[in-house]
Amino acid sequence: MEEHNCKIKHRDDEEKKLLINRINRIEGQIKGIKQMIENDVYCDDILIQISAVTNSTKSLGRLILNNHMKTCVKRELLLGNDEIIDEVIGSFSKLY
């Protein structure tokens, strides 16, 4: 099993609220897809909703990555930790 770094990121209440709202919206979209399948909705209509979920999760990922670059990565670079660049490259690979 791969070891994961146990770093934490403290987020203010406003950022948490924004992220949780987006996650709740994605969760609602997923539940909607489940209901569509249960109700035998036409395949293409389901695929459109799956595309919407994909776009929503990518948008959430971009938002988190943007914040990561402006806070965590910036801080690490200012501290002289150039290894953070490899982490960022990995993050881009996971997201895109």
N, C-alpha and C. Protein backbone atom coordinates (compact mmCIF):
# COMPACT_ATOMS: atom_id res chain seq x y z
N MET A 1 0.84 -1.18 0.00
CA MET A 1 0.00 0.00 0.00
C MET A 1 0.89 1.24 0.00
N GLU A 2 0.49 2.25 -0.76
CA GLU A 2 1.24 3.48 -0.88
C GLU A 2 1.08 4.32 0.38
N GLU A 3 2.21 4.86 0.84
CA GLU A 3 2.18 5.75 2.00
C GLU A 3 1.72 7.14 1.55
N HIS A 4 0.89 7.78 2.33
CA HIS A 4 0.45 9.14 2.02
C HIS A 4 0.99 10.08 3.08
N ASN A 5 1.40 11.25 2.64
CA ASN A 5 1.87 12.27 3.55
C ASN A 5 0.69 12.77 4.37
N CYS A 6 0.86 12.93 5.65
CA CYS A 6 -0.25 13.32 6.53
C CYS A 6 -0.23 14.82 6.79
N LYS A 7 -0.12 15.59 5.73
CA LYS A 7 -0.20 17.04 5.86
C LYS A 7 -1.66 17.42 6.01
N ILE A 8 -1.89 18.57 6.61
CA ILE A 8 -3.26 19.07 6.72
C ILE A 8 -3.31 20.48 6.16
N LYS A 9 -4.49 20.90 5.78
CA LYS A 9 -4.72 22.24 5.25
C LYS A 9 -5.88 22.84 6.02
N HIS A 10 -5.59 23.86 6.78
CA HIS A 10 -6.65 24.55 7.51
C HIS A 10 -7.35 25.50 6.55
N ARG A 11 -8.65 25.36 6.46
CA ARG A 11 -9.47 26.21 5.60
C ARG A 11 -10.38 27.07 6.46
N ASP A 12 -10.58 28.32 6.04
CA ASP A 12 -11.50 29.16 6.80
C ASP A 12 -12.93 28.71 6.50
N ASP A 13 -13.85 29.20 7.32
CA ASP A 13 -15.25 28.77 7.21
C ASP A 13 -15.84 29.07 5.84
N GLU A 14 -15.48 30.20 5.24
CA GLU A 14 -16.02 30.58 3.94
C GLU A 14 -15.57 29.60 2.85
N GLU A 15 -14.29 29.24 2.87
CA GLU A 15 -13.77 28.28 1.89
C GLU A 15 -14.42 26.92 2.07
N LYS A 16 -14.52 26.47 3.32
CA LYS A 16 -15.18 25.19 3.59
C LYS A 16 -16.61 25.19 3.08
N LYS A 17 -17.33 26.27 3.33
CA LYS A 17 -18.73 26.37 2.90
C LYS A 17 -18.82 26.27 1.38
N LEU A 18 -17.96 26.99 0.68
CA LEU A 18 -17.94 26.96 -0.78
C LEU A 18 -17.69 25.54 -1.30
N LEU A 19 -16.68 24.88 -0.74
CA LEU A 19 -16.34 23.53 -1.19
C LEU A 19 -17.44 22.53 -0.86
N ILE A 20 -17.98 22.62 0.35
CA ILE A 20 -19.05 21.70 0.75
C ILE A 20 -20.29 21.90 -0.11
N ASN A 21 -20.62 23.16 -0.44
CA ASN A 21 -21.77 23.42 -1.31
C ASN A 21 -21.58 22.77 -2.67
N ARG A 22 -20.38 22.87 -3.22
CA ARG A 22 -20.10 22.24 -4.51
C ARG A 22 -20.19 20.72 -4.41
N ILE A 23 -19.66 20.18 -3.34
CA ILE A 23 -19.72 18.72 -3.15
C ILE A 23 -21.16 18.27 -2.99
N ASN A 24 -21.96 19.02 -2.25
CA ASN A 24 -23.37 18.68 -2.09
C ASN A 24 -24.10 18.70 -3.44
N ARG A 25 -23.74 19.67 -4.29
CA ARG A 25 -24.36 19.75 -5.62
C ARG A 25 -23.98 18.52 -6.44
N ILE A 26 -22.71 18.13 -6.38
CA ILE A 26 -22.24 16.94 -7.10
C ILE A 26 -22.95 15.69 -6.57
N GLU A 27 -23.08 15.61 -5.26
CA GLU A 27 -23.78 14.49 -4.65
C GLU A 27 -25.23 14.42 -5.16
N GLY A 28 -25.87 15.57 -5.28
CA GLY A 28 -27.23 15.61 -5.81
C GLY A 28 -27.28 15.15 -7.25
N GLN A 29 -26.29 15.54 -8.03
CA GLN A 29 -26.23 15.10 -9.43
C GLN A 29 -26.08 13.58 -9.51
N ILE A 30 -25.23 13.02 -8.65
CA ILE A 30 -25.02 11.57 -8.64
C ILE A 30 -26.31 10.85 -8.25
N LYS A 31 -26.99 11.36 -7.24
CA LYS A 31 -28.27 10.76 -6.84
C LYS A 31 -29.28 10.85 -7.98
N GLY A 32 -29.25 11.96 -8.72
CA GLY A 32 -30.13 12.11 -9.86
C GLY A 32 -29.86 11.07 -10.94
N ILE A 33 -28.59 10.77 -11.17
CA ILE A 33 -28.23 9.74 -12.15
C ILE A 33 -28.72 8.38 -11.68
N LYS A 34 -28.56 8.11 -10.40
CA LYS A 34 -29.04 6.84 -9.86
C LYS A 34 -30.55 6.71 -10.08
N GLN A 35 -31.26 7.79 -9.80
CA GLN A 35 -32.72 7.77 -9.98
C GLN A 35 -33.08 7.59 -11.46
N MET A 36 -32.32 8.21 -12.34
CA MET A 36 -32.57 8.06 -13.77
C MET A 36 -32.43 6.60 -14.19
N ILE A 37 -31.42 5.94 -13.66
CA ILE A 37 -31.22 4.52 -13.98
C ILE A 37 -32.36 3.69 -13.43
N GLU A 38 -32.75 3.98 -12.18
CA GLU A 38 -33.87 3.25 -11.58
C GLU A 38 -35.17 3.45 -12.37
N ASN A 39 -35.31 4.62 -12.99
CA ASN A 39 -36.53 4.94 -13.74
C ASN A 39 -36.42 4.64 -15.23
N ASP A 40 -35.37 3.91 -15.61
CA ASP A 40 -35.18 3.49 -17.00
C ASP A 40 -35.14 4.65 -17.99
N VAL A 41 -34.49 5.73 -17.59
CA VAL A 41 -34.35 6.89 -18.47
C VAL A 41 -33.43 6.53 -19.64
N TYR A 42 -33.65 7.13 -20.77
CA TYR A 42 -32.89 6.90 -22.00
C TYR A 42 -31.40 7.12 -21.76
N CYS A 43 -30.59 6.24 -22.33
CA CYS A 43 -29.13 6.24 -22.11
C CYS A 43 -28.48 7.59 -22.38
N ASP A 44 -28.81 8.21 -23.50
CA ASP A 44 -28.17 9.47 -23.85
C ASP A 44 -28.45 10.55 -22.82
N ASP A 45 -29.64 10.55 -22.26
CA ASP A 45 -29.97 11.53 -21.22
C ASP A 45 -29.12 11.30 -19.96
N ILE A 46 -28.88 10.04 -19.64
CA ILE A 46 -28.02 9.72 -18.49
C ILE A 46 -26.59 10.15 -18.77
N LEU A 47 -26.12 9.90 -20.00
CA LEU A 47 -24.75 10.29 -20.36
C LEU A 47 -24.55 11.80 -20.27
N ILE A 48 -25.57 12.56 -20.62
CA ILE A 48 -25.50 14.02 -20.49
C ILE A 48 -25.30 14.40 -19.02
N GLN A 49 -26.01 13.73 -18.13
CA GLN A 49 -25.87 14.02 -16.70
C GLN A 49 -24.52 13.57 -16.16
N ILE A 50 -24.01 12.46 -16.67
CA ILE A 50 -22.67 12.00 -16.27
C ILE A 50 -21.64 13.03 -16.70
N SER A 51 -21.80 13.59 -17.89
CA SER A 51 -20.90 14.64 -18.36
C SER A 51 -20.96 15.86 -17.45
N ALA A 52 -22.15 16.20 -16.99
CA ALA A 52 -22.30 17.34 -16.08
C ALA A 52 -21.57 17.08 -14.76
N VAL A 53 -21.67 15.85 -14.25
CA VAL A 53 -20.96 15.50 -13.01
C VAL A 53 -19.45 15.57 -13.22
N THR A 54 -19.00 15.06 -14.36
CA THR A 54 -17.57 15.10 -14.67
C THR A 54 -17.07 16.54 -14.69
N ASN A 55 -17.83 17.42 -15.33
CA ASN A 55 -17.44 18.84 -15.38
C ASN A 55 -17.47 19.47 -14.00
N SER A 56 -18.44 19.09 -13.19
CA SER A 56 -18.54 19.64 -11.83
C SER A 56 -17.36 19.20 -10.96
N THR A 57 -16.97 17.93 -11.06
CA THR A 57 -15.83 17.46 -10.26
C THR A 57 -14.52 18.07 -10.74
N LYS A 58 -14.40 18.25 -12.06
CA LYS A 58 -13.19 18.91 -12.57
C LYS A 58 -13.12 20.35 -12.09
N SER A 59 -14.24 21.03 -12.07
CA SER A 59 -14.29 22.40 -11.59
C SER A 59 -13.90 22.47 -10.11
N LEU A 60 -14.40 21.53 -9.32
CA LEU A 60 -14.04 21.46 -7.91
C LEU A 60 -12.54 21.22 -7.76
N GLY A 61 -12.01 20.31 -8.55
CA GLY A 61 -10.57 20.03 -8.51
C GLY A 61 -9.74 21.25 -8.87
N ARG A 62 -10.16 21.99 -9.90
CA ARG A 62 -9.44 23.21 -10.29
C ARG A 62 -9.47 24.24 -9.17
N LEU A 63 -10.60 24.36 -8.51
CA LEU A 63 -10.73 25.31 -7.41
C LEU A 63 -9.77 24.95 -6.27
N ILE A 64 -9.72 23.68 -5.93
CA ILE A 64 -8.83 23.23 -4.86
C ILE A 64 -7.37 23.39 -5.28
N LEU A 65 -7.05 23.04 -6.52
CA LEU A 65 -5.68 23.19 -7.01
C LEU A 65 -5.26 24.66 -7.01
N ASN A 66 -6.15 25.54 -7.45
CA ASN A 66 -5.87 26.97 -7.47
C ASN A 66 -5.52 27.45 -6.07
N ASN A 67 -6.34 27.07 -5.10
CA ASN A 67 -6.09 27.47 -3.72
C ASN A 67 -4.79 26.86 -3.20
N HIS A 68 -4.54 25.61 -3.57
CA HIS A 68 -3.31 24.91 -3.15
C HIS A 68 -2.08 25.67 -3.64
N MET A 69 -2.13 26.11 -4.90
CA MET A 69 -0.98 26.83 -5.47
C MET A 69 -0.75 28.15 -4.75
N LYS A 70 -1.85 28.85 -4.43
CA LYS A 70 -1.74 30.18 -3.82
C LYS A 70 -1.39 30.15 -2.34
N THR A 71 -1.59 29.00 -1.70
CA THR A 71 -1.32 28.93 -0.26
C THR A 71 -0.20 27.95 0.04
N CYS A 72 -0.50 26.68 -0.03
CA CYS A 72 0.45 25.63 0.38
C CYS A 72 1.74 25.66 -0.44
N VAL A 73 1.59 25.69 -1.76
CA VAL A 73 2.77 25.64 -2.64
C VAL A 73 3.60 26.91 -2.48
N LYS A 74 2.93 28.05 -2.46
CA LYS A 74 3.64 29.32 -2.28
C LYS A 74 4.44 29.31 -0.98
N ARG A 75 3.80 28.85 0.10
CA ARG A 75 4.48 28.81 1.40
C ARG A 75 5.71 27.91 1.35
N GLU A 76 5.56 26.73 0.76
CA GLU A 76 6.68 25.79 0.68
C GLU A 76 7.83 26.33 -0.16
N LEU A 77 7.51 27.00 -1.27
CA LEU A 77 8.57 27.60 -2.09
C LEU A 77 9.30 28.70 -1.34
N LEU A 78 8.55 29.52 -0.60
CA LEU A 78 9.18 30.58 0.19
C LEU A 78 10.07 30.02 1.29
N LEU A 79 9.73 28.81 1.76
CA LEU A 79 10.56 28.14 2.77
C LEU A 79 11.74 27.42 2.15
N GLY A 80 11.84 27.47 0.82
CA GLY A 80 12.97 26.83 0.13
C GLY A 80 12.74 25.37 -0.21
N ASN A 81 11.53 24.88 -0.09
CA ASN A 81 11.22 23.48 -0.39
C ASN A 81 10.88 23.33 -1.87
N ASP A 82 11.90 23.10 -2.69
CA ASP A 82 11.68 22.93 -4.12
C ASP A 82 11.04 21.58 -4.45
N GLU A 83 11.03 20.65 -3.52
CA GLU A 83 10.40 19.35 -3.75
C GLU A 83 8.90 19.49 -3.97
N ILE A 84 8.33 20.60 -3.53
CA ILE A 84 6.90 20.84 -3.71
C ILE A 84 6.54 20.87 -5.19
N ILE A 85 7.51 21.21 -6.04
CA ILE A 85 7.26 21.26 -7.48
C ILE A 85 6.87 19.88 -7.99
N ASP A 86 7.55 18.82 -7.51
CA ASP A 86 7.19 17.47 -7.91
C ASP A 86 5.77 17.11 -7.46
N GLU A 87 5.39 17.59 -6.28
CA GLU A 87 4.03 17.35 -5.81
C GLU A 87 3.01 18.03 -6.73
N VAL A 88 3.31 19.24 -7.13
CA VAL A 88 2.41 19.98 -8.02
C VAL A 88 2.28 19.26 -9.37
N ILE A 89 3.38 18.80 -9.90
CA ILE A 89 3.34 18.05 -11.16
C ILE A 89 2.46 16.83 -11.01
N GLY A 90 2.59 16.13 -9.89
CA GLY A 90 1.74 14.98 -9.61
C GLY A 90 0.28 15.37 -9.50
N SER A 91 0.03 16.51 -8.88
CA SER A 91 -1.36 16.98 -8.74
C SER A 91 -1.98 17.25 -10.10
N PHE A 92 -1.22 17.89 -10.97
CA PHE A 92 -1.71 18.14 -12.33
C PHE A 92 -2.00 16.83 -13.06
N SER A 93 -1.12 15.85 -12.87
CA SER A 93 -1.31 14.56 -13.52
C SER A 93 -2.59 13.87 -13.05
N LYS A 94 -2.89 14.01 -11.78
CA LYS A 94 -4.11 13.40 -11.23
C LYS A 94 -5.36 14.10 -11.72
N LEU A 95 -5.27 15.40 -11.87
CA LEU A 95 -6.45 16.20 -12.19
C LEU A 95 -6.75 16.24 -13.68
N TYR A 96 -5.70 16.19 -14.50
CA TYR A 96 -5.93 16.36 -15.95
C TYR A 96 -5.51 15.16 -16.74
